[in-house]
Amino acid sequence: GMFAVNPNPAWWQGVIVALPTAIILSYLGLAFDEYGDAYSNLKKGVKSLVYKVWENKFDLSLYILAWLLMVYVFQLFLIFIGLLKPLTMLSVICFVLLLANLVYLKPHADALRRNPTDEKIIGEFNKCGKTTVAVAALYPILILVGQIFG
């Protein structure tokens, strides 16, 4: 938006705010995308960080929570240096909802690791993933609302 209405936009601010958050959120989303395929892809020799999470039996919910915490720490940093307004912390609503979903995800991720070909387990795991994506889609909306009204 600021790039369209300002002849000399501070484009670097947009990059500083958006790029690191996009990278962190893409790694978070990659966990859901690749985790369900880990069993078959590891047999093929495919390597990825999420496949290491699977191989080493690291808790998927904890892995995702770590990425979420990085997003919020970065957001607090952006508020502290004045690039985001304090009201953007409205997005903490997403954190609470995502945390609740991660509690729900844990048994499904563990079951998927134990029985990676069971369609019912895959379906429940995917349902958690869809819920997480829906809540995560709310995150930038709340950031925008907080920035506009903050």
N, C-alpha and C. Protein backbone atom coordinates (compact mmCIF):
# COMPACT_ATOMS: atom_id res chain seq x y z
N GLY A 1 0.79 -1.18 0.00
CA GLY A 1 0.00 0.00 0.00
C GLY A 1 0.85 1.25 0.00
N MET A 2 1.87 1.32 0.88
CA MET A 2 2.66 2.55 0.98
C MET A 2 3.45 2.78 -0.30
N PHE A 3 3.72 1.72 -1.06
CA PHE A 3 4.49 1.87 -2.28
C PHE A 3 3.66 2.52 -3.39
N ALA A 4 2.34 2.36 -3.33
CA ALA A 4 1.47 2.88 -4.37
C ALA A 4 1.09 4.35 -4.16
N VAL A 5 1.13 4.84 -2.96
CA VAL A 5 0.65 6.19 -2.68
C VAL A 5 1.76 7.18 -2.35
N ASN A 6 2.97 6.72 -2.28
CA ASN A 6 4.08 7.58 -1.88
C ASN A 6 5.13 7.57 -3.00
N PRO A 7 5.53 8.75 -3.50
CA PRO A 7 6.51 8.77 -4.58
C PRO A 7 7.90 8.32 -4.13
N ASN A 8 8.20 8.42 -2.86
CA ASN A 8 9.48 7.98 -2.31
C ASN A 8 9.24 7.06 -1.11
N PRO A 9 8.77 5.85 -1.38
CA PRO A 9 8.42 4.97 -0.26
C PRO A 9 9.66 4.48 0.48
N ALA A 10 9.47 4.23 1.76
CA ALA A 10 10.54 3.62 2.57
C ALA A 10 10.43 2.10 2.38
N TRP A 11 10.81 1.65 1.18
CA TRP A 11 10.65 0.25 0.81
C TRP A 11 11.41 -0.69 1.73
N TRP A 12 12.51 -0.20 2.28
CA TRP A 12 13.31 -1.04 3.16
C TRP A 12 12.53 -1.44 4.41
N GLN A 13 11.59 -0.58 4.86
CA GLN A 13 10.78 -0.94 6.03
C GLN A 13 9.87 -2.13 5.72
N GLY A 14 9.29 -2.12 4.54
CA GLY A 14 8.45 -3.25 4.13
C GLY A 14 9.23 -4.55 4.07
N VAL A 15 10.46 -4.47 3.57
CA VAL A 15 11.31 -5.66 3.48
C VAL A 15 11.68 -6.15 4.88
N ILE A 16 12.06 -5.23 5.76
CA ILE A 16 12.46 -5.60 7.12
C ILE A 16 11.30 -6.25 7.88
N VAL A 17 10.10 -5.74 7.67
CA VAL A 17 8.94 -6.28 8.38
C VAL A 17 8.49 -7.61 7.77
N ALA A 18 8.40 -7.67 6.46
CA ALA A 18 7.76 -8.82 5.81
C ALA A 18 8.68 -10.01 5.55
N LEU A 19 9.90 -9.78 5.11
CA LEU A 19 10.74 -10.88 4.67
C LEU A 19 11.08 -11.88 5.77
N PRO A 20 11.61 -11.45 6.91
CA PRO A 20 11.92 -12.45 7.95
C PRO A 20 10.68 -13.20 8.44
N THR A 21 9.57 -12.49 8.58
CA THR A 21 8.34 -13.15 9.03
C THR A 21 7.88 -14.17 7.99
N ALA A 22 7.96 -13.83 6.72
CA ALA A 22 7.56 -14.76 5.66
C ALA A 22 8.45 -16.00 5.66
N ILE A 23 9.73 -15.82 5.86
CA ILE A 23 10.66 -16.96 5.90
C ILE A 23 10.33 -17.87 7.08
N ILE A 24 10.14 -17.27 8.25
CA ILE A 24 9.84 -18.07 9.44
C ILE A 24 8.52 -18.81 9.26
N LEU A 25 7.49 -18.12 8.78
CA LEU A 25 6.19 -18.77 8.60
C LEU A 25 6.23 -19.84 7.52
N SER A 26 7.09 -19.68 6.52
CA SER A 26 7.18 -20.72 5.50
C SER A 26 7.81 -21.99 6.06
N TYR A 27 8.79 -21.85 6.95
CA TYR A 27 9.35 -23.04 7.60
C TYR A 27 8.32 -23.71 8.49
N LEU A 28 7.51 -22.91 9.15
CA LEU A 28 6.44 -23.45 9.99
C LEU A 28 5.44 -24.22 9.12
N GLY A 29 5.02 -23.63 8.02
CA GLY A 29 4.07 -24.29 7.12
C GLY A 29 4.65 -25.52 6.46
N LEU A 30 5.93 -25.48 6.18
CA LEU A 30 6.60 -26.62 5.57
C LEU A 30 6.51 -27.85 6.45
N ALA A 31 6.47 -27.65 7.76
CA ALA A 31 6.36 -28.77 8.68
C ALA A 31 5.09 -29.58 8.41
N PHE A 32 3.98 -28.89 8.22
CA PHE A 32 2.73 -29.60 7.93
C PHE A 32 2.76 -30.23 6.55
N ASP A 33 3.31 -29.52 5.60
CA ASP A 33 3.33 -30.01 4.23
C ASP A 33 4.16 -31.28 4.10
N GLU A 34 5.31 -31.31 4.73
CA GLU A 34 6.24 -32.43 4.53
C GLU A 34 6.09 -33.56 5.55
N TYR A 35 5.55 -33.29 6.71
CA TYR A 35 5.52 -34.30 7.77
C TYR A 35 4.75 -35.54 7.35
N GLY A 36 3.61 -35.36 6.72
CA GLY A 36 2.81 -36.50 6.29
C GLY A 36 3.47 -37.34 5.21
N ASP A 37 4.39 -36.74 4.46
CA ASP A 37 5.10 -37.46 3.39
C ASP A 37 6.44 -38.01 3.84
N ALA A 38 6.82 -37.76 5.08
CA ALA A 38 8.16 -38.11 5.54
C ALA A 38 8.44 -39.60 5.40
N TYR A 39 7.51 -40.43 5.78
CA TYR A 39 7.73 -41.88 5.77
C TYR A 39 8.11 -42.37 4.37
N SER A 40 7.31 -42.02 3.38
CA SER A 40 7.58 -42.50 2.02
C SER A 40 8.79 -41.81 1.40
N ASN A 41 8.97 -40.53 1.67
CA ASN A 41 10.10 -39.82 1.06
C ASN A 41 11.44 -40.19 1.68
N LEU A 42 11.46 -40.53 2.95
CA LEU A 42 12.72 -40.98 3.55
C LEU A 42 13.18 -42.29 2.93
N LYS A 43 12.23 -43.15 2.57
CA LYS A 43 12.58 -44.41 1.89
C LYS A 43 13.24 -44.13 0.54
N LYS A 44 12.86 -43.02 -0.09
CA LYS A 44 13.42 -42.64 -1.39
C LYS A 44 14.75 -41.91 -1.26
N GLY A 45 15.12 -41.57 -0.02
CA GLY A 45 16.38 -40.86 0.20
C GLY A 45 16.27 -39.35 0.20
N VAL A 46 15.04 -38.83 0.19
CA VAL A 46 14.83 -37.39 0.20
C VAL A 46 15.22 -36.84 1.57
N LYS A 47 15.88 -35.68 1.58
CA LYS A 47 16.32 -35.07 2.84
C LYS A 47 15.64 -33.72 3.04
N SER A 48 15.30 -33.43 4.27
CA SER A 48 14.74 -32.13 4.63
C SER A 48 14.77 -32.00 6.14
N LEU A 49 14.68 -30.77 6.62
CA LEU A 49 14.69 -30.53 8.06
C LEU A 49 13.49 -31.21 8.74
N VAL A 50 12.33 -31.14 8.11
CA VAL A 50 11.14 -31.76 8.70
C VAL A 50 11.29 -33.28 8.72
N TYR A 51 11.95 -33.84 7.72
CA TYR A 51 12.17 -35.29 7.73
C TYR A 51 13.09 -35.68 8.89
N LYS A 52 14.01 -34.79 9.24
CA LYS A 52 14.86 -35.03 10.41
C LYS A 52 14.03 -34.99 11.69
N VAL A 53 13.04 -34.11 11.73
CA VAL A 53 12.12 -34.06 12.87
C VAL A 53 11.44 -35.43 13.00
N TRP A 54 11.01 -35.98 11.88
CA TRP A 54 10.36 -37.30 11.86
C TRP A 54 11.35 -38.38 12.28
N GLU A 55 12.50 -38.43 11.63
CA GLU A 55 13.50 -39.47 11.90
C GLU A 55 13.95 -39.50 13.35
N ASN A 56 14.18 -38.32 13.90
CA ASN A 56 14.70 -38.23 15.26
C ASN A 56 13.60 -38.22 16.32
N LYS A 57 12.37 -38.40 15.87
CA LYS A 57 11.21 -38.45 16.77
C LYS A 57 11.10 -37.21 17.65
N PHE A 58 11.49 -36.08 17.06
CA PHE A 58 11.33 -34.80 17.74
C PHE A 58 9.85 -34.43 17.68
N ASP A 59 9.33 -33.89 18.73
CA ASP A 59 7.91 -33.57 18.80
C ASP A 59 7.54 -32.48 17.79
N LEU A 60 6.62 -32.78 16.88
CA LEU A 60 6.23 -31.84 15.83
C LEU A 60 5.59 -30.58 16.41
N SER A 61 4.77 -30.73 17.43
CA SER A 61 4.13 -29.57 18.04
C SER A 61 5.17 -28.62 18.64
N LEU A 62 6.17 -29.17 19.28
CA LEU A 62 7.24 -28.35 19.85
C LEU A 62 8.05 -27.66 18.75
N TYR A 63 8.31 -28.38 17.67
CA TYR A 63 9.03 -27.81 16.53
C TYR A 63 8.27 -26.60 15.97
N ILE A 64 6.96 -26.76 15.78
CA ILE A 64 6.14 -25.67 15.25
C ILE A 64 6.05 -24.52 16.25
N LEU A 65 5.92 -24.85 17.53
CA LEU A 65 5.87 -23.83 18.57
C LEU A 65 7.14 -22.98 18.57
N ALA A 66 8.28 -23.60 18.35
CA ALA A 66 9.54 -22.85 18.30
C ALA A 66 9.52 -21.82 17.17
N TRP A 67 9.02 -22.20 16.00
CA TRP A 67 8.92 -21.25 14.89
C TRP A 67 7.94 -20.13 15.21
N LEU A 68 6.82 -20.48 15.85
CA LEU A 68 5.84 -19.45 16.25
C LEU A 68 6.45 -18.45 17.23
N LEU A 69 7.20 -18.95 18.18
CA LEU A 69 7.83 -18.06 19.15
C LEU A 69 8.80 -17.10 18.46
N MET A 70 9.52 -17.60 17.45
CA MET A 70 10.44 -16.72 16.71
C MET A 70 9.67 -15.59 16.03
N VAL A 71 8.51 -15.90 15.47
CA VAL A 71 7.69 -14.86 14.82
C VAL A 71 7.30 -13.79 15.83
N TYR A 72 6.85 -14.21 17.00
CA TYR A 72 6.39 -13.23 18.00
C TYR A 72 7.54 -12.45 18.62
N VAL A 73 8.67 -13.07 18.81
CA VAL A 73 9.85 -12.33 19.30
C VAL A 73 10.26 -11.28 18.27
N PHE A 74 10.26 -11.66 16.99
CA PHE A 74 10.59 -10.71 15.93
C PHE A 74 9.57 -9.58 15.88
N GLN A 75 8.30 -9.92 16.04
CA GLN A 75 7.26 -8.89 16.05
C GLN A 75 7.47 -7.92 17.21
N LEU A 76 7.79 -8.42 18.37
CA LEU A 76 8.07 -7.54 19.52
C LEU A 76 9.26 -6.63 19.23
N PHE A 77 10.27 -7.17 18.57
CA PHE A 77 11.42 -6.36 18.17
C PHE A 77 10.99 -5.23 17.23
N LEU A 78 10.14 -5.55 16.26
CA LEU A 78 9.66 -4.53 15.32
C LEU A 78 8.83 -3.47 16.02
N ILE A 79 8.08 -3.86 17.03
CA ILE A 79 7.32 -2.88 17.82
C ILE A 79 8.29 -2.00 18.60
N PHE A 80 9.28 -2.62 19.20
CA PHE A 80 10.25 -1.89 20.01
C PHE A 80 11.02 -0.84 19.20
N ILE A 81 11.38 -1.17 17.96
CA ILE A 81 12.13 -0.21 17.14
C ILE A 81 11.22 0.74 16.37
N GLY A 82 9.90 0.57 16.52
CA GLY A 82 8.95 1.52 15.96
C GLY A 82 8.47 1.23 14.55
N LEU A 83 8.78 0.08 13.99
CA LEU A 83 8.29 -0.24 12.64
C LEU A 83 6.86 -0.78 12.67
N LEU A 84 6.46 -1.37 13.78
CA LEU A 84 5.08 -1.81 13.95
C LEU A 84 4.48 -1.09 15.15
N LYS A 85 3.19 -0.88 15.11
CA LYS A 85 2.50 -0.23 16.22
C LYS A 85 2.16 -1.28 17.29
N PRO A 86 2.11 -0.87 18.54
CA PRO A 86 1.82 -1.82 19.62
C PRO A 86 0.52 -2.60 19.45
N LEU A 87 -0.49 -2.00 18.83
CA LEU A 87 -1.77 -2.68 18.66
C LEU A 87 -1.65 -3.91 17.74
N THR A 88 -0.54 -4.04 17.02
CA THR A 88 -0.36 -5.23 16.18
C THR A 88 -0.27 -6.49 17.04
N MET A 89 -0.07 -6.33 18.33
CA MET A 89 -0.06 -7.50 19.20
C MET A 89 -1.45 -8.12 19.35
N LEU A 90 -2.44 -7.54 18.66
CA LEU A 90 -3.73 -8.22 18.53
C LEU A 90 -3.52 -9.63 17.98
N SER A 91 -2.47 -9.79 17.23
CA SER A 91 -2.18 -11.08 16.61
C SER A 91 -1.91 -12.18 17.64
N VAL A 92 -1.75 -11.82 18.90
CA VAL A 92 -1.53 -12.83 19.93
C VAL A 92 -2.76 -13.75 20.03
N ILE A 93 -3.89 -13.28 19.54
CA ILE A 93 -5.09 -14.14 19.46
C ILE A 93 -4.76 -15.39 18.65
N CYS A 94 -4.03 -15.21 17.56
CA CYS A 94 -3.62 -16.36 16.73
C CYS A 94 -2.73 -17.31 17.51
N PHE A 95 -1.82 -16.74 18.29
CA PHE A 95 -0.89 -17.57 19.06
C PHE A 95 -1.65 -18.48 20.02
N VAL A 96 -2.64 -17.92 20.70
CA VAL A 96 -3.44 -18.70 21.65
C VAL A 96 -4.19 -19.82 20.91
N LEU A 97 -4.80 -19.49 19.78
CA LEU A 97 -5.53 -20.49 19.01
C LEU A 97 -4.59 -21.55 18.44
N LEU A 98 -3.42 -21.12 17.97
CA LEU A 98 -2.46 -22.08 17.42
C LEU A 98 -1.91 -22.99 18.51
N LEU A 99 -1.68 -22.44 19.68
CA LEU A 99 -1.20 -23.25 20.80
C LEU A 99 -2.22 -24.34 21.14
N ALA A 100 -3.49 -23.97 21.19
CA ALA A 100 -4.54 -24.95 21.45
C ALA A 100 -4.56 -26.02 20.36
N ASN A 101 -4.39 -25.62 19.11
CA ASN A 101 -4.38 -26.57 18.01
C ASN A 101 -3.16 -27.50 18.09
N LEU A 102 -2.03 -26.99 18.55
CA LEU A 102 -0.84 -27.83 18.68
C LEU A 102 -1.03 -28.90 19.74
N VAL A 103 -1.78 -28.59 20.78
CA VAL A 103 -2.10 -29.60 21.79
C VAL A 103 -2.95 -30.70 21.15
N TYR A 104 -3.87 -30.30 20.30
CA TYR A 104 -4.71 -31.26 19.58
C TYR A 104 -3.89 -32.04 18.54
N LEU A 105 -2.90 -31.38 17.94
CA LEU A 105 -2.08 -32.00 16.90
C LEU A 105 -1.18 -33.11 17.44
N LYS A 106 -0.63 -32.94 18.62
CA LYS A 106 0.38 -33.85 19.14
C LYS A 106 0.00 -35.33 19.04
N PRO A 107 -1.16 -35.76 19.55
CA PRO A 107 -1.46 -37.19 19.44
C PRO A 107 -1.60 -37.66 17.99
N HIS A 108 -2.06 -36.78 17.10
CA HIS A 108 -2.22 -37.17 15.70
C HIS A 108 -0.86 -37.29 15.01
N ALA A 109 0.05 -36.39 15.33
CA ALA A 109 1.40 -36.47 14.75
C ALA A 109 2.12 -37.72 15.27
N ASP A 110 1.97 -38.00 16.55
CA ASP A 110 2.59 -39.21 17.12
C ASP A 110 2.00 -40.47 16.50
N ALA A 111 0.67 -40.49 16.33
CA ALA A 111 0.01 -41.65 15.71
C ALA A 111 0.46 -41.81 14.26
N LEU A 112 0.62 -40.71 13.55
CA LEU A 112 1.08 -40.76 12.16
C LEU A 112 2.49 -41.34 12.08
N ARG A 113 3.34 -40.98 13.02
CA ARG A 113 4.69 -41.52 13.02
C ARG A 113 4.66 -43.04 13.28
N ARG A 114 3.76 -43.48 14.16
CA ARG A 114 3.66 -44.91 14.47
C ARG A 114 3.03 -45.71 13.33
N ASN A 115 2.07 -45.11 12.64
CA ASN A 115 1.36 -45.82 11.58
C ASN A 115 1.14 -44.87 10.40
N PRO A 116 2.18 -44.66 9.58
CA PRO A 116 2.13 -43.61 8.55
C PRO A 116 1.25 -43.90 7.34
N THR A 117 0.66 -45.08 7.27
CA THR A 117 -0.18 -45.39 6.11
C THR A 117 -1.66 -45.47 6.45
N ASP A 118 -2.03 -45.27 7.70
CA ASP A 118 -3.42 -45.35 8.13
C ASP A 118 -4.18 -44.11 7.66
N GLU A 119 -5.17 -44.32 6.80
CA GLU A 119 -5.92 -43.20 6.20
C GLU A 119 -6.66 -42.36 7.24
N LYS A 120 -7.20 -43.00 8.27
CA LYS A 120 -7.93 -42.26 9.30
C LYS A 120 -6.98 -41.32 10.05
N ILE A 121 -5.81 -41.82 10.38
CA ILE A 121 -4.80 -41.00 11.08
C ILE A 121 -4.35 -39.85 10.19
N ILE A 122 -4.12 -40.15 8.92
CA ILE A 122 -3.72 -39.11 7.97
C ILE A 122 -4.81 -38.04 7.88
N GLY A 123 -6.06 -38.47 7.86
CA GLY A 123 -7.18 -37.52 7.79
C GLY A 123 -7.24 -36.60 9.00
N GLU A 124 -7.05 -37.16 10.19
CA GLU A 124 -7.06 -36.35 11.42
C GLU A 124 -5.88 -35.38 11.45
N PHE A 125 -4.72 -35.86 11.01
CA PHE A 125 -3.54 -35.01 10.95
C PHE A 125 -3.79 -33.85 9.98
N ASN A 126 -4.35 -34.16 8.82
CA ASN A 126 -4.64 -33.12 7.83
C ASN A 126 -5.69 -32.13 8.32
N LYS A 127 -6.66 -32.59 9.11
CA LYS A 127 -7.66 -31.69 9.68
C LYS A 127 -6.97 -30.67 10.60
N CYS A 128 -6.02 -31.13 11.40
CA CYS A 128 -5.25 -30.21 12.25
C CYS A 128 -4.49 -29.20 11.39
N GLY A 129 -3.91 -29.69 10.31
CA GLY A 129 -3.16 -28.81 9.42
C GLY A 129 -4.04 -27.74 8.81
N LYS A 130 -5.23 -28.11 8.38
CA LYS A 130 -6.15 -27.13 7.79
C LYS A 130 -6.58 -26.09 8.81
N THR A 131 -6.82 -26.53 10.04
CA THR A 131 -7.18 -25.58 11.10
C THR A 131 -6.04 -24.61 11.36
N THR A 132 -4.84 -25.13 11.39
CA THR A 132 -3.66 -24.29 11.63
C THR A 132 -3.50 -23.26 10.51
N VAL A 133 -3.67 -23.68 9.28
CA VAL A 133 -3.56 -22.76 8.14
C VAL A 133 -4.63 -21.67 8.23
N ALA A 134 -5.85 -22.05 8.61
CA ALA A 134 -6.93 -21.06 8.73
C ALA A 134 -6.61 -20.02 9.80
N VAL A 135 -6.10 -20.48 10.94
CA VAL A 135 -5.75 -19.55 12.02
C VAL A 135 -4.55 -18.70 11.61
N ALA A 136 -3.57 -19.32 10.96
CA ALA A 136 -2.38 -18.58 10.53
C ALA A 136 -2.74 -17.51 9.49
N ALA A 137 -3.77 -17.75 8.70
CA ALA A 137 -4.21 -16.75 7.72
C ALA A 137 -4.77 -15.51 8.41
N LEU A 138 -5.22 -15.66 9.63
CA LEU A 138 -5.73 -14.54 10.40
C LEU A 138 -4.60 -13.63 10.89
N TYR A 139 -3.40 -14.18 11.04
CA TYR A 139 -2.26 -13.44 11.59
C TYR A 139 -1.97 -12.13 10.83
N PRO A 140 -1.74 -12.16 9.50
CA PRO A 140 -1.45 -10.89 8.83
C PRO A 140 -2.63 -9.92 8.84
N ILE A 141 -3.84 -10.45 8.89
CA ILE A 141 -5.02 -9.58 8.96
C ILE A 141 -5.02 -8.81 10.27
N LEU A 142 -4.73 -9.49 11.37
CA LEU A 142 -4.69 -8.82 12.67
C LEU A 142 -3.52 -7.84 12.76
N ILE A 143 -2.40 -8.17 12.12
CA ILE A 143 -1.26 -7.24 12.07
C ILE A 143 -1.70 -5.96 11.34
N LEU A 144 -2.37 -6.13 10.21
CA LEU A 144 -2.83 -4.99 9.43
C LEU A 144 -3.83 -4.14 10.22
N VAL A 145 -4.79 -4.78 10.86
CA VAL A 145 -5.78 -4.05 11.67
C VAL A 145 -5.07 -3.28 12.78
N GLY A 146 -4.14 -3.93 13.46
CA GLY A 146 -3.40 -3.26 14.52
C GLY A 146 -2.57 -2.09 14.02
N GLN A 147 -1.99 -2.24 12.84
CA GLN A 147 -1.18 -1.17 12.26
C GLN A 147 -2.04 0.01 11.83
N ILE A 148 -3.21 -0.27 11.29
CA ILE A 148 -4.11 0.80 10.84
C ILE A 148 -4.71 1.57 12.01
N PHE A 149 -5.19 0.85 13.01
CA PHE A 149 -5.90 1.50 14.11
C PHE A 149 -5.02 1.78 15.32
N GLY A 150 -3.78 1.30 15.30
CA GLY A 150 -2.89 1.46 16.45
C GLY A 150 -2.25 2.78 16.47
